[in-house]
Amino acid sequence: MMAPRKILFISFGDLSTTGCIRASQLAVHLRRLGWDAHVAIPDTPSNRAFKHSEKSKWVFYDPSARKILSSLGVILRQERPDFVHMLNPKEKAMMLSTIHQRQKFVFDWEDWTTFAEQNSIRRWYKQIRDRWLIRRASAVITASSWLSRYILSRFAKDSLYLPYACLPKEFPNPGFEGMQPVAIGMGSLHPNWDHDLLVEAAGVLRGRGQEVPIRWIGKGAELERCEARVAELGLEKFEFPGYLDWEPMLRQLREAHCLVFPIRRKELNLARCPFKCFQFAQAQRPVITSDVGEVRSILGDHAVYVEPTPEALAEAIYETMLRARQPDVAYDLSKHTWEQRAVVLSEHLQAI
């Protein structure tokens, strides 16, 4: 009897956040397909304390700058995996794959942050780094079909298209009687993303005398700037509750009158797979967004698609908020399970 093939997922995130979901879910479902799959995670108090039924398949490494490579090296020598998977590979992946030259590495991009680099010298370096990583990889994975085509045209390298899938959590089913209608956006307030469109859309409505309650769930480097812009526009119904734990956040998504995902047409957005779209679909509320990149492949024809401008968003939000609360939307998520993603990944790796 042949021994099962082995794969080690190296994650740099915290198990309580979305940073480890891709690795942990693929590992869970690959094990059910007969793989010996482990996830290496940083040895931190929060990761040690995290409770999960698959905990026995986690291995911990020292994440300190001085010891991370040697700590991961010990794990590689102990586990001797057929494949090592790394998400959004950068310098650590370069160093680790240079040290372990005989190891097969699977490099997986959920976005392509080089597009966001404004400094010409740093962008030149990152382009060289990206080319090196793609040539070094035994298998390349992308979460965006556009990014797969980009890698093929620029680097002459085939890749496996493997989008994200549904959040492995139950969504609450609260009562809605007497609830004030509110439009909700959600996500990291990072300079690369397009939350400013929603703030400006609220300003358009304010200027028309049509301001409606809007809330953005999340935090990030742009929070203070967004709060200042809200004050500058004189908005009285725009809220920033900050970061929320899973339960209250999912509850608010379910309670929303509508959900809003502002996203511009730019390379950075074409190259990513917005995980929040799956959560919005799972929340089953009407979604106002733009037909950019992977969005339609997740939400299908059930979302309200508008041009990515403050004026278009404002119009759609106001029209939706004027109406009575709409019934839940039946987004088709039947093809967006981690089990299906693991089957595709397994077949791809078995052929290498």
Protein backbone atom coordinates (compact mmCIF):
# COMPACT_ATOMS: atom_id res chain seq x y z
CA MET A 1 0.00 0.00 0.00
CA MET A 2 1.40 3.38 -1.00
CA ALA A 3 1.90 6.00 1.68
CA PRO A 4 -0.34 9.06 1.32
CA ARG A 5 1.17 12.09 -0.35
CA LYS A 6 2.20 14.81 2.05
CA ILE A 7 1.69 18.55 1.90
CA LEU A 8 2.72 21.20 4.38
CA PHE A 9 0.92 24.55 4.36
CA ILE A 10 3.02 27.35 5.84
CA SER A 11 0.87 30.16 7.18
CA PHE A 12 2.03 33.43 8.71
CA GLY A 13 -1.29 34.52 10.18
CA ASP A 14 -3.47 34.14 13.23
CA LEU A 15 -5.97 31.29 13.36
CA SER A 16 -8.70 33.59 14.67
CA THR A 17 -8.60 35.75 11.49
CA THR A 18 -9.12 35.09 7.79
CA GLY A 19 -5.36 34.88 7.17
CA CYS A 20 -5.21 31.13 7.83
CA ILE A 21 -8.57 30.06 6.39
CA ARG A 22 -7.30 29.09 2.93
CA ALA A 23 -4.51 26.89 4.29
CA SER A 24 -6.51 25.34 7.12
CA GLN A 25 -9.59 24.54 5.02
CA LEU A 26 -7.62 23.06 2.15
CA ALA A 27 -5.64 20.95 4.63
CA VAL A 28 -8.82 19.67 6.32
CA HIS A 29 -10.40 18.58 3.06
CA LEU A 30 -7.19 17.18 1.55
CA ARG A 31 -6.91 14.92 4.59
CA ARG A 32 -10.40 13.64 3.86
CA LEU A 33 -9.15 12.81 0.35
CA GLY A 34 -6.33 10.71 1.77
CA TRP A 35 -3.54 13.29 1.94
CA ASP A 36 -1.24 13.71 4.90
CA ALA A 37 -1.72 17.46 5.31
CA HIS A 38 -0.37 19.71 8.05
CA VAL A 39 -0.43 23.46 8.62
CA ALA A 40 2.61 25.22 10.08
CA ILE A 41 1.56 28.30 12.04
CA PRO A 42 3.38 30.90 14.18
CA ASP A 43 3.89 29.85 17.78
CA THR A 44 1.93 32.64 19.45
CA PRO A 45 -0.32 32.66 22.54
CA SER A 46 -3.45 33.24 20.44
CA ASN A 47 -2.65 30.35 18.07
CA ARG A 48 -1.87 28.05 20.99
CA ALA A 49 -5.17 28.96 22.63
CA PHE A 50 -7.27 28.56 19.49
CA LYS A 51 -9.74 25.67 19.79
CA HIS A 52 -10.44 23.55 16.74
CA SER A 53 -11.13 19.90 16.04
CA GLU A 54 -8.20 19.72 13.61
CA LYS A 55 -5.67 21.07 16.09
CA SER A 56 -3.59 17.88 16.10
CA LYS A 57 -2.57 18.57 12.51
CA TRP A 58 -1.01 21.93 13.27
CA VAL A 59 2.71 22.35 13.80
CA PHE A 60 4.18 25.46 15.40
CA TYR A 61 7.26 27.39 14.35
CA ASP A 62 9.18 30.26 15.88
CA PRO A 63 8.11 33.41 13.97
CA SER A 64 10.95 35.62 15.22
CA ALA A 65 13.16 37.13 12.51
CA ARG A 66 16.28 35.34 13.79
CA LYS A 67 14.75 31.86 14.05
CA ILE A 68 11.92 31.56 11.53
CA LEU A 69 13.96 29.98 8.72
CA SER A 70 15.74 27.50 10.97
CA SER A 71 12.48 26.65 12.75
CA LEU A 72 10.71 25.98 9.46
CA GLY A 73 13.73 24.04 8.28
CA VAL A 74 13.40 21.67 11.23
CA ILE A 75 9.75 21.08 10.35
CA LEU A 76 10.59 20.39 6.70
CA ARG A 77 13.22 17.84 7.67
CA GLN A 78 10.85 16.16 10.13
CA GLU A 79 7.76 16.13 7.91
CA ARG A 80 9.52 15.57 4.56
CA PRO A 81 6.47 16.73 2.58
CA ASP A 82 6.03 16.18 -1.13
CA PHE A 83 4.84 19.78 -1.43
CA VAL A 84 5.15 22.99 0.57
CA HIS A 85 2.35 25.50 0.04
CA MET A 86 2.88 29.22 0.70
CA LEU A 87 0.26 31.92 0.21
CA ASN A 88 1.25 35.29 -1.28
CA PRO A 89 4.96 34.36 -1.36
CA LYS A 90 7.53 37.08 -0.89
CA GLU A 91 11.01 37.25 0.68
CA LYS A 92 10.51 34.45 3.21
CA ALA A 93 9.45 32.15 0.39
CA MET A 94 12.50 33.14 -1.63
CA MET A 95 14.87 32.38 1.23
CA LEU A 96 13.20 29.13 2.26
CA SER A 97 13.01 27.77 -1.29
CA THR A 98 16.64 28.75 -1.91
CA ILE A 99 17.81 26.86 1.17
CA HIS A 100 15.69 23.78 0.39
CA GLN A 101 16.45 23.43 -3.30
CA ARG A 102 15.12 19.89 -3.70
CA GLN A 103 11.78 20.67 -2.13
CA LYS A 104 8.73 21.19 -4.34
CA PHE A 105 7.05 24.49 -3.53
CA VAL A 106 3.48 25.48 -4.39
CA PHE A 107 3.19 29.27 -4.54
CA ASP A 108 -0.34 30.61 -4.28
CA TRP A 109 -1.36 34.22 -5.01
CA GLU A 110 -4.71 35.54 -3.76
CA ASP A 111 -3.73 38.98 -5.08
CA TRP A 112 -0.77 40.69 -6.77
CA THR A 113 0.39 43.54 -4.54
CA THR A 114 3.18 44.56 -6.91
CA PHE A 115 0.50 46.45 -8.83
CA ALA A 116 0.07 48.75 -5.81
CA GLU A 117 3.75 49.72 -5.59
CA GLN A 118 4.23 53.37 -6.58
CA ASN A 119 7.98 53.65 -6.05
CA SER A 120 9.66 52.75 -9.37
CA ILE A 121 12.76 51.17 -7.80
CA ARG A 122 10.78 49.03 -5.36
CA ARG A 123 8.38 48.04 -8.14
CA TRP A 124 11.32 46.99 -10.33
CA TYR A 125 12.67 44.85 -7.47
CA LYS A 126 9.26 43.27 -6.81
CA GLN A 127 8.86 42.39 -10.48
CA ILE A 128 12.21 40.58 -10.38
CA ARG A 129 11.17 38.84 -7.13
CA ASP A 130 7.85 37.74 -8.62
CA ARG A 131 9.52 36.37 -11.74
CA TRP A 132 12.01 34.40 -9.62
CA LEU A 133 9.25 32.92 -7.45
CA ILE A 134 7.18 31.84 -10.44
CA ARG A 135 10.17 30.16 -12.07
CA ARG A 136 11.07 28.43 -8.79
CA ALA A 137 7.55 27.09 -8.16
CA SER A 138 6.66 23.49 -8.92
CA ALA A 139 3.06 24.67 -9.11
CA VAL A 140 1.54 28.15 -9.30
CA ILE A 141 -1.96 28.84 -7.97
CA THR A 142 -4.07 31.96 -8.30
CA ALA A 143 -7.42 32.94 -6.79
CA SER A 144 -8.22 35.12 -9.81
CA SER A 145 -8.77 33.98 -13.39
CA TRP A 146 -7.48 37.35 -14.61
CA LEU A 147 -4.26 36.82 -12.64
CA SER A 148 -3.83 33.37 -14.18
CA ARG A 149 -3.99 34.93 -17.64
CA TYR A 150 -1.59 37.69 -16.59
CA ILE A 151 0.99 35.19 -15.29
CA LEU A 152 0.72 33.14 -18.47
CA SER A 153 1.19 36.16 -20.73
CA ARG A 154 3.97 37.81 -18.70
CA PHE A 155 5.90 34.81 -17.38
CA ALA A 156 4.83 32.00 -19.77
CA LYS A 157 3.79 29.88 -16.79
CA ASP A 158 0.56 27.93 -16.47
CA SER A 159 -1.27 28.17 -13.16
CA LEU A 160 -4.17 26.55 -11.36
CA TYR A 161 -7.18 28.82 -10.86
CA LEU A 162 -8.42 28.14 -7.34
CA PRO A 163 -10.69 30.86 -5.92
CA TYR A 164 -11.66 31.25 -2.30
CA ALA A 165 -14.80 29.56 -0.99
CA CYS A 166 -17.44 30.10 1.65
CA LEU A 167 -16.61 31.09 5.20
CA PRO A 168 -16.85 27.90 7.31
CA LYS A 169 -19.15 29.48 9.90
CA GLU A 170 -22.86 29.46 10.60
CA PHE A 171 -24.62 32.75 10.03
CA PRO A 172 -27.21 33.83 12.63
CA ASN A 173 -30.88 34.24 11.82
CA PRO A 174 -31.97 37.21 13.94
CA GLY A 175 -35.40 38.78 14.06
CA PHE A 176 -35.81 41.96 12.07
CA GLU A 177 -38.88 43.55 13.67
CA GLY A 178 -38.38 47.24 14.47
CA MET A 179 -34.84 47.27 13.08
CA GLN A 180 -33.59 50.53 11.56
CA PRO A 181 -32.56 50.05 7.91
CA VAL A 182 -28.81 50.42 7.42
CA ALA A 183 -26.47 49.91 4.46
CA ILE A 184 -23.30 48.10 5.53
CA GLY A 185 -19.83 47.85 4.03
CA MET A 186 -17.11 45.71 5.54
CA GLY A 187 -13.38 45.12 5.27
CA SER A 188 -9.91 46.39 6.03
CA LEU A 189 -9.48 50.15 5.71
CA HIS A 190 -6.24 49.68 3.78
CA PRO A 191 -5.00 52.38 1.37
CA ASN A 192 -5.18 49.93 -1.55
CA TRP A 193 -8.93 49.40 -1.28
CA ASP A 194 -11.90 51.49 -2.31
CA HIS A 195 -13.89 52.26 0.85
CA ASP A 196 -13.56 55.97 0.00
CA LEU A 197 -16.17 55.45 -2.72
CA LEU A 198 -18.78 54.67 -0.07
CA VAL A 199 -17.85 57.70 2.02
CA GLU A 200 -18.10 59.93 -1.05
CA ALA A 201 -21.40 58.30 -2.04
CA ALA A 202 -22.74 59.20 1.41
CA GLY A 203 -21.57 62.76 0.74
CA VAL A 204 -23.50 62.80 -2.53
CA LEU A 205 -26.65 61.75 -0.68
CA ARG A 206 -26.05 64.34 2.01
CA GLY A 207 -25.75 67.03 -0.65
CA ARG A 208 -29.13 65.98 -2.07
CA GLY A 209 -30.79 65.96 1.33
CA GLN A 210 -31.12 62.16 1.10
CA GLU A 211 -28.67 60.92 3.74
CA VAL A 212 -29.34 57.36 4.92
CA PRO A 213 -27.72 55.28 7.69
CA ILE A 214 -24.48 53.71 6.48
CA ARG A 215 -21.98 51.67 8.50
CA TRP A 216 -18.47 50.41 7.71
CA ILE A 217 -17.27 47.44 9.77
CA GLY A 218 -13.49 47.14 9.99
CA LYS A 219 -10.37 49.01 10.87
CA GLY A 220 -7.05 49.88 9.26
CA ALA A 221 -4.56 52.59 8.41
CA GLU A 222 -7.22 54.73 6.69
CA LEU A 223 -9.68 54.85 9.60
CA GLU A 224 -8.70 58.31 10.85
CA ARG A 225 -8.65 59.73 7.32
CA CYS A 226 -12.11 58.29 6.63
CA GLU A 227 -13.47 59.63 9.90
CA ALA A 228 -12.05 63.06 9.06
CA ARG A 229 -13.66 62.96 5.62
CA VAL A 230 -17.01 61.98 7.16
CA ALA A 231 -16.75 65.01 9.47
CA GLU A 232 -15.72 67.25 6.57
CA LEU A 233 -18.77 66.19 4.55
CA GLY A 234 -21.01 66.81 7.55
CA LEU A 235 -22.32 63.25 7.56
CA GLU A 236 -24.53 62.47 10.54
CA LYS A 237 -25.52 58.89 9.76
CA PHE A 238 -22.20 57.28 8.82
CA GLU A 239 -20.75 54.96 11.49
CA PHE A 240 -17.37 53.28 11.98
CA PRO A 241 -17.85 50.67 14.72
CA GLY A 242 -14.32 49.35 14.04
CA TYR A 243 -13.31 45.69 14.16
CA LEU A 244 -15.96 43.24 15.32
CA ASP A 245 -15.54 39.60 16.35
CA TRP A 246 -17.08 36.99 14.08
CA GLU A 247 -20.44 36.60 15.84
CA PRO A 248 -21.46 40.28 16.01
CA MET A 249 -20.04 40.96 12.55
CA LEU A 250 -21.96 38.13 10.89
CA ARG A 251 -25.09 39.18 12.78
CA GLN A 252 -24.81 42.71 11.43
CA LEU A 253 -24.35 41.43 7.88
CA ARG A 254 -27.55 39.42 8.24
CA GLU A 255 -29.42 42.38 9.73
CA ALA A 256 -28.36 44.82 7.01
CA HIS A 257 -30.99 46.33 4.74
CA CYS A 258 -28.36 46.00 2.02
CA LEU A 259 -24.62 45.36 1.75
CA VAL A 260 -22.23 47.52 -0.26
CA PHE A 261 -18.90 46.51 -1.76
CA PRO A 262 -17.18 49.46 -3.49
CA ILE A 263 -14.52 48.26 -5.94
CA ARG A 264 -12.80 50.14 -8.77
CA ARG A 265 -11.64 48.75 -12.10
CA LYS A 266 -7.88 48.52 -11.65
CA GLU A 267 -5.27 45.80 -11.98
CA LEU A 268 -4.99 45.29 -8.23
CA ASN A 269 -8.71 44.44 -8.04
CA LEU A 270 -8.69 42.31 -11.18
CA ALA A 271 -5.91 40.21 -9.66
CA ARG A 272 -7.67 39.46 -6.35
CA CYS A 273 -10.49 37.27 -5.10
CA PRO A 274 -12.46 39.33 -2.56
CA PHE A 275 -13.22 36.90 0.26
CA LYS A 276 -15.87 39.26 1.64
CA CYS A 277 -18.05 38.54 -1.40
CA PHE A 278 -18.58 35.01 -0.13
CA GLN A 279 -19.59 36.33 3.28
CA PHE A 280 -21.95 38.83 1.68
CA ALA A 281 -23.56 36.02 -0.34
CA GLN A 282 -23.80 33.84 2.78
CA ALA A 283 -25.51 36.72 4.58
CA GLN A 284 -28.19 36.52 1.83
CA ARG A 285 -28.83 40.26 1.76
CA PRO A 286 -29.02 42.45 -1.39
CA VAL A 287 -25.53 43.52 -2.48
CA ILE A 288 -24.64 46.73 -4.31
CA THR A 289 -21.25 46.51 -6.03
CA SER A 290 -19.48 46.75 -9.41
CA ASP A 291 -18.78 44.08 -12.01
CA VAL A 292 -15.02 43.93 -11.45
CA GLY A 293 -12.75 40.87 -11.42
CA GLU A 294 -14.11 37.88 -9.51
CA VAL A 295 -17.19 39.61 -8.08
CA ARG A 296 -19.75 38.30 -10.57
CA SER A 297 -18.33 34.77 -10.42
CA ILE A 298 -19.32 34.75 -6.74
CA LEU A 299 -22.51 36.82 -6.61
CA GLY A 300 -23.81 35.86 -10.05
CA ASP A 301 -26.64 37.95 -11.47
CA HIS A 302 -28.26 38.51 -8.06
CA ALA A 303 -26.24 41.58 -7.08
CA VAL A 304 -27.00 45.16 -8.12
CA TYR A 305 -24.08 46.15 -10.38
CA VAL A 306 -23.29 49.84 -10.87
CA GLU A 307 -20.38 51.87 -12.17
CA PRO A 308 -17.69 52.31 -9.48
CA THR A 309 -18.43 55.99 -8.88
CA PRO A 310 -19.84 57.78 -5.81
CA GLU A 311 -22.83 58.98 -7.84
CA ALA A 312 -23.80 55.51 -9.08
CA LEU A 313 -23.37 53.98 -5.63
CA ALA A 314 -25.39 56.78 -4.06
CA GLU A 315 -28.28 56.26 -6.48
CA ALA A 316 -28.41 52.49 -5.91
CA ILE A 317 -28.13 52.80 -2.12
CA TYR A 318 -30.88 55.41 -1.93
CA GLU A 319 -33.26 53.43 -4.14
CA THR A 320 -32.67 50.28 -2.09
CA MET A 321 -33.05 52.04 1.25
CA LEU A 322 -36.34 53.64 0.16
CA ARG A 323 -37.93 50.23 -0.33
CA ALA A 324 -39.18 47.95 2.42
CA ARG A 325 -36.76 45.29 3.56
CA GLN A 326 -36.34 42.80 0.72
CA PRO A 327 -36.49 39.03 1.23
CA ASP A 328 -33.25 37.12 1.55
CA VAL A 329 -31.41 36.59 -1.74
CA ALA A 330 -30.66 33.03 -2.85
CA TYR A 331 -27.08 33.37 -4.11
CA ASP A 332 -25.85 30.12 -5.67
CA LEU A 333 -22.92 28.97 -3.55
CA SER A 334 -23.15 25.29 -4.51
CA LYS A 335 -19.87 25.47 -6.45
CA HIS A 336 -18.00 27.44 -3.81
CA THR A 337 -17.09 24.89 -1.14
CA TRP A 338 -13.65 24.12 0.26
CA GLU A 339 -14.31 20.44 -0.40
CA GLN A 340 -14.54 21.17 -4.13
CA ARG A 341 -11.45 23.37 -4.02
CA ALA A 342 -9.49 20.55 -2.33
CA VAL A 343 -10.54 18.05 -5.01
CA VAL A 344 -9.27 20.37 -7.75
CA LEU A 345 -6.00 20.98 -5.90
CA SER A 346 -5.48 17.27 -5.22
CA GLU A 347 -5.96 16.33 -8.87
CA HIS A 348 -3.55 19.07 -9.95
CA LEU A 349 -0.81 18.07 -7.52
CA GLN A 350 -1.23 14.34 -8.19
CA ALA A 351 -0.28 15.05 -11.81
CA ILE A 352 3.04 16.66 -10.85
